[in-house]
Amino acid sequence: MDRVSNFFCYKEKHSLGVMQFPTEKYINDKQSVNLGTKKLRRKFDLILKEIKKHPATDYQNYKVEQEIISHYNGGSKYYLEIIELSESIRNEFYKESQEYLILQTE
């Protein structure tokens, strides 16, 4: 039985698409990227709001990454794998980039 048939037979929440977005509806890769990106962005925006409210809080990049990843995956189970993948992408495609996850305060 293929993925699509399996999905429709069991009618339960599955993680689908390249972003492995949890859903009870069938979604394609493009939809999973769209939904996953929105979920990540909402969490990032909440963290930025928190940083602005409490600027003295020491929010380091790794802590922000960890919070976002843990929120997306429902825990820290995949944190190290996601960080390794992120580093590989950064090293391969963005070697010269000076951008950071959050604004640097210095």
N, C-alpha and C. Protein backbone atom coordinates (compact mmCIF):
# COMPACT_ATOMS: atom_id res chain seq x y z
N MET A 1 0.85 -1.17 0.00
CA MET A 1 0.00 0.00 0.00
C MET A 1 0.90 1.25 0.00
N ASP A 2 0.62 2.21 -0.88
CA ASP A 2 1.45 3.41 -0.94
C ASP A 2 1.06 4.42 0.15
N ARG A 3 1.84 5.50 0.28
CA ARG A 3 1.63 6.51 1.33
C ARG A 3 0.23 7.11 1.29
N VAL A 4 -0.23 7.44 0.10
CA VAL A 4 -1.54 8.09 -0.02
C VAL A 4 -2.65 7.14 0.41
N SER A 5 -2.61 5.91 -0.07
CA SER A 5 -3.63 4.92 0.32
C SER A 5 -3.60 4.67 1.82
N ASN A 6 -2.41 4.55 2.36
CA ASN A 6 -2.23 4.33 3.79
C ASN A 6 -2.85 5.48 4.59
N PHE A 7 -2.62 6.69 4.14
CA PHE A 7 -3.16 7.86 4.83
C PHE A 7 -4.69 7.81 4.88
N PHE A 8 -5.32 7.53 3.76
CA PHE A 8 -6.78 7.54 3.70
C PHE A 8 -7.40 6.35 4.43
N CYS A 9 -6.67 5.27 4.57
CA CYS A 9 -7.20 4.10 5.28
C CYS A 9 -7.28 4.32 6.79
N TYR A 10 -6.30 5.00 7.36
CA TYR A 10 -6.22 5.08 8.82
C TYR A 10 -6.79 6.36 9.42
N LYS A 11 -6.99 7.40 8.65
CA LYS A 11 -7.66 8.64 9.10
C LYS A 11 -7.15 9.17 10.44
N GLU A 12 -5.87 9.08 10.68
CA GLU A 12 -5.30 9.64 11.90
C GLU A 12 -4.24 10.66 11.51
N LYS A 13 -3.76 11.40 12.49
CA LYS A 13 -2.76 12.43 12.22
C LYS A 13 -1.46 11.78 11.76
N HIS A 14 -0.92 12.32 10.67
CA HIS A 14 0.34 11.87 10.10
C HIS A 14 1.25 13.07 9.90
N SER A 15 2.54 12.84 9.85
CA SER A 15 3.48 13.88 9.48
C SER A 15 3.76 13.71 7.99
N LEU A 16 3.39 14.73 7.21
CA LEU A 16 3.46 14.60 5.76
C LEU A 16 4.32 15.68 5.12
N GLY A 17 4.80 15.40 3.94
CA GLY A 17 5.56 16.36 3.14
C GLY A 17 7.00 16.49 3.61
N VAL A 18 7.75 17.31 2.89
CA VAL A 18 9.17 17.46 3.20
C VAL A 18 9.40 18.10 4.56
N MET A 19 8.44 18.86 5.05
CA MET A 19 8.56 19.47 6.38
C MET A 19 8.00 18.56 7.47
N GLN A 20 7.49 17.39 7.07
CA GLN A 20 6.91 16.45 8.03
C GLN A 20 5.92 17.16 8.95
N PHE A 21 4.98 17.88 8.32
CA PHE A 21 3.99 18.65 9.06
C PHE A 21 2.88 17.72 9.55
N PRO A 22 2.57 17.76 10.86
CA PRO A 22 1.51 16.89 11.37
C PRO A 22 0.13 17.39 10.96
N THR A 23 -0.65 16.50 10.36
CA THR A 23 -1.97 16.90 9.87
C THR A 23 -2.89 15.68 9.76
N GLU A 24 -4.17 15.95 9.84
CA GLU A 24 -5.17 14.90 9.63
C GLU A 24 -5.67 14.90 8.19
N LYS A 25 -5.30 15.96 7.43
CA LYS A 25 -5.68 16.04 6.02
C LYS A 25 -4.48 15.67 5.17
N TYR A 26 -4.72 15.20 3.97
CA TYR A 26 -3.61 14.92 3.07
C TYR A 26 -3.08 16.23 2.51
N ILE A 27 -1.77 16.43 2.59
CA ILE A 27 -1.14 17.62 2.03
C ILE A 27 0.06 17.19 1.18
N ASN A 28 0.38 18.01 0.19
CA ASN A 28 1.54 17.72 -0.64
C ASN A 28 2.77 18.43 -0.08
N ASP A 29 3.92 18.27 -0.75
CA ASP A 29 5.17 18.86 -0.27
C ASP A 29 5.09 20.38 -0.17
N LYS A 30 4.53 21.01 -1.19
CA LYS A 30 4.43 22.48 -1.19
C LYS A 30 3.58 22.96 -0.02
N GLN A 31 2.47 22.30 0.23
CA GLN A 31 1.61 22.67 1.36
C GLN A 31 2.33 22.44 2.70
N SER A 32 3.10 21.37 2.79
CA SER A 32 3.82 21.10 4.05
C SER A 32 4.86 22.17 4.31
N VAL A 33 5.54 22.64 3.27
CA VAL A 33 6.53 23.72 3.43
C VAL A 33 5.82 25.00 3.86
N ASN A 34 4.70 25.30 3.23
CA ASN A 34 3.95 26.51 3.58
C ASN A 34 3.46 26.46 5.03
N LEU A 35 2.84 25.36 5.42
CA LEU A 35 2.33 25.23 6.79
C LEU A 35 3.46 25.18 7.81
N GLY A 36 4.52 24.44 7.50
CA GLY A 36 5.65 24.33 8.41
C GLY A 36 6.35 25.66 8.61
N THR A 37 6.53 26.40 7.53
CA THR A 37 7.19 27.71 7.62
C THR A 37 6.35 28.67 8.46
N LYS A 38 5.05 28.64 8.27
CA LYS A 38 4.17 29.52 9.08
C LYS A 38 4.27 29.17 10.57
N LYS A 39 4.30 27.89 10.87
CA LYS A 39 4.41 27.47 12.27
C LYS A 39 5.73 27.93 12.87
N LEU A 40 6.82 27.76 12.13
CA LEU A 40 8.14 28.20 12.60
C LEU A 40 8.16 29.72 12.79
N ARG A 41 7.59 30.45 11.84
CA ARG A 41 7.59 31.91 11.90
C ARG A 41 6.79 32.42 13.10
N ARG A 42 5.64 31.79 13.36
CA ARG A 42 4.82 32.21 14.52
C ARG A 42 5.62 32.06 15.82
N LYS A 43 6.31 30.96 15.98
CA LYS A 43 7.11 30.74 17.19
C LYS A 43 8.26 31.73 17.26
N PHE A 44 8.92 31.98 16.14
CA PHE A 44 10.01 32.95 16.10
C PHE A 44 9.50 34.34 16.49
N ASP A 45 8.35 34.73 15.96
CA ASP A 45 7.77 36.04 16.30
C ASP A 45 7.43 36.14 17.78
N LEU A 46 6.94 35.06 18.38
CA LEU A 46 6.65 35.06 19.82
C LEU A 46 7.93 35.25 20.63
N ILE A 47 9.00 34.59 20.21
CA ILE A 47 10.27 34.73 20.90
C ILE A 47 10.80 36.16 20.77
N LEU A 48 10.70 36.74 19.57
CA LEU A 48 11.14 38.12 19.38
C LEU A 48 10.35 39.08 20.27
N LYS A 49 9.06 38.84 20.38
CA LYS A 49 8.22 39.68 21.23
C LYS A 49 8.68 39.57 22.69
N GLU A 50 9.01 38.37 23.10
CA GLU A 50 9.49 38.13 24.47
C GLU A 50 10.83 38.83 24.70
N ILE A 51 11.70 38.78 23.73
CA ILE A 51 13.00 39.45 23.83
C ILE A 51 12.81 40.96 23.96
N LYS A 52 11.89 41.50 23.18
CA LYS A 52 11.63 42.95 23.24
C LYS A 52 11.03 43.36 24.58
N LYS A 53 10.19 42.49 25.14
CA LYS A 53 9.58 42.77 26.45
C LYS A 53 10.61 42.73 27.56
N HIS A 54 11.55 41.79 27.44
CA HIS A 54 12.56 41.57 28.48
C HIS A 54 13.96 41.61 27.86
N PRO A 55 14.43 42.79 27.47
CA PRO A 55 15.71 42.87 26.76
C PRO A 55 16.92 42.40 27.57
N ALA A 56 16.80 42.38 28.89
CA ALA A 56 17.92 41.94 29.72
C ALA A 56 18.09 40.42 29.68
N THR A 57 17.07 39.71 29.21
CA THR A 57 17.15 38.25 29.14
C THR A 57 18.22 37.85 28.14
N ASP A 58 19.04 36.91 28.53
CA ASP A 58 20.13 36.45 27.68
C ASP A 58 19.62 35.36 26.74
N TYR A 59 19.16 35.76 25.57
CA TYR A 59 18.68 34.81 24.57
C TYR A 59 19.78 34.56 23.56
N GLN A 60 20.47 33.47 23.69
CA GLN A 60 21.53 33.13 22.76
C GLN A 60 20.92 32.42 21.56
N ASN A 61 21.63 32.49 20.42
CA ASN A 61 21.11 31.88 19.20
C ASN A 61 20.72 30.42 19.37
N TYR A 62 21.58 29.64 20.04
CA TYR A 62 21.28 28.21 20.17
C TYR A 62 20.01 27.98 20.97
N LYS A 63 19.75 28.85 21.97
CA LYS A 63 18.54 28.70 22.78
C LYS A 63 17.29 28.99 21.94
N VAL A 64 17.37 30.00 21.11
CA VAL A 64 16.25 30.33 20.24
C VAL A 64 16.01 29.19 19.25
N GLU A 65 17.08 28.71 18.63
CA GLU A 65 16.95 27.57 17.71
C GLU A 65 16.31 26.38 18.41
N GLN A 66 16.79 26.09 19.62
CA GLN A 66 16.28 24.93 20.35
C GLN A 66 14.80 25.09 20.66
N GLU A 67 14.39 26.27 21.08
CA GLU A 67 12.96 26.50 21.37
C GLU A 67 12.10 26.32 20.14
N ILE A 68 12.56 26.86 19.02
CA ILE A 68 11.79 26.76 17.77
C ILE A 68 11.69 25.31 17.32
N ILE A 69 12.80 24.61 17.32
CA ILE A 69 12.81 23.22 16.88
C ILE A 69 11.98 22.35 17.81
N SER A 70 12.12 22.54 19.10
CA SER A 70 11.34 21.75 20.06
C SER A 70 9.85 22.01 19.90
N HIS A 71 9.48 23.26 19.66
CA HIS A 71 8.07 23.60 19.44
C HIS A 71 7.55 22.93 18.17
N TYR A 72 8.33 22.96 17.12
CA TYR A 72 7.89 22.40 15.83
C TYR A 72 7.70 20.89 15.92
N ASN A 73 8.65 20.22 16.57
CA ASN A 73 8.62 18.76 16.62
C ASN A 73 7.95 18.20 17.86
N GLY A 74 7.44 19.06 18.73
CA GLY A 74 6.78 18.57 19.93
C GLY A 74 7.75 18.03 20.96
N GLY A 75 8.97 18.50 20.95
CA GLY A 75 9.98 18.06 21.92
C GLY A 75 11.37 18.19 21.34
N SER A 76 12.33 17.76 22.10
CA SER A 76 13.72 17.94 21.67
C SER A 76 14.32 16.70 21.01
N LYS A 77 13.49 15.72 20.70
CA LYS A 77 13.98 14.45 20.16
C LYS A 77 14.86 14.63 18.91
N TYR A 78 14.48 15.53 18.00
CA TYR A 78 15.20 15.68 16.74
C TYR A 78 16.12 16.89 16.71
N TYR A 79 16.30 17.54 17.85
CA TYR A 79 17.06 18.78 17.89
C TYR A 79 18.45 18.65 17.25
N LEU A 80 19.22 17.67 17.67
CA LEU A 80 20.59 17.54 17.15
C LEU A 80 20.61 17.26 15.65
N GLU A 81 19.69 16.44 15.17
CA GLU A 81 19.65 16.14 13.74
C GLU A 81 19.32 17.39 12.93
N ILE A 82 18.38 18.20 13.43
CA ILE A 82 17.98 19.43 12.73
C ILE A 82 19.15 20.42 12.73
N ILE A 83 19.84 20.55 13.86
CA ILE A 83 20.98 21.46 13.94
C ILE A 83 22.09 21.02 12.97
N GLU A 84 22.36 19.72 12.91
CA GLU A 84 23.37 19.22 11.97
C GLU A 84 22.98 19.52 10.53
N LEU A 85 21.72 19.30 10.19
CA LEU A 85 21.24 19.60 8.85
C LEU A 85 21.35 21.09 8.56
N SER A 86 20.97 21.91 9.52
CA SER A 86 21.05 23.36 9.37
C SER A 86 22.49 23.81 9.12
N GLU A 87 23.42 23.26 9.89
CA GLU A 87 24.84 23.60 9.71
C GLU A 87 25.34 23.17 8.34
N SER A 88 24.93 22.00 7.90
CA SER A 88 25.34 21.52 6.57
C SER A 88 24.84 22.44 5.47
N ILE A 89 23.59 22.86 5.57
CA ILE A 89 23.01 23.78 4.58
C ILE A 89 23.74 25.12 4.63
N ARG A 90 23.95 25.62 5.84
CA ARG A 90 24.64 26.91 6.00
C ARG A 90 26.05 26.84 5.40
N ASN A 91 26.78 25.76 5.69
CA ASN A 91 28.15 25.62 5.18
C ASN A 91 28.20 25.43 3.66
N GLU A 92 27.22 24.75 3.13
CA GLU A 92 27.21 24.48 1.69
C GLU A 92 26.74 25.67 0.86
N PHE A 93 25.70 26.36 1.33
CA PHE A 93 25.07 27.38 0.49
C PHE A 93 25.22 28.82 1.00
N TYR A 94 25.58 29.00 2.27
CA TYR A 94 25.62 30.35 2.84
C TYR A 94 26.93 30.61 3.59
N LYS A 95 28.04 30.16 3.05
CA LYS A 95 29.34 30.29 3.73
C LYS A 95 29.69 31.72 4.07
N GLU A 96 29.37 32.65 3.20
CA GLU A 96 29.77 34.05 3.38
C GLU A 96 28.72 34.88 4.13
N SER A 97 27.62 34.28 4.49
CA SER A 97 26.53 35.02 5.12
C SER A 97 26.91 35.50 6.52
N GLN A 98 26.52 36.72 6.83
CA GLN A 98 26.74 37.29 8.15
C GLN A 98 25.42 37.38 8.93
N GLU A 99 24.36 36.77 8.40
CA GLU A 99 23.06 36.83 9.05
C GLU A 99 22.99 35.87 10.22
N TYR A 100 22.21 36.27 11.20
CA TYR A 100 22.00 35.46 12.39
C TYR A 100 20.52 35.23 12.59
N LEU A 101 20.20 34.26 13.43
CA LEU A 101 18.80 33.94 13.69
C LEU A 101 18.09 35.11 14.37
N ILE A 102 18.75 35.74 15.34
CA ILE A 102 18.16 36.89 16.02
C ILE A 102 19.11 38.07 15.86
N LEU A 103 18.58 39.26 16.08
CA LEU A 103 19.40 40.46 15.97
C LEU A 103 20.48 40.46 17.03
N GLN A 104 21.66 40.81 16.64
CA GLN A 104 22.76 40.90 17.59
C GLN A 104 22.65 42.25 18.31
N THR A 105 22.87 42.26 19.58
CA THR A 105 22.68 43.47 20.37
C THR A 105 23.95 44.29 20.51
N GLU A 106 25.04 43.82 20.01
CA GLU A 106 26.31 44.55 20.15
C GLU A 106 26.50 45.55 19.03
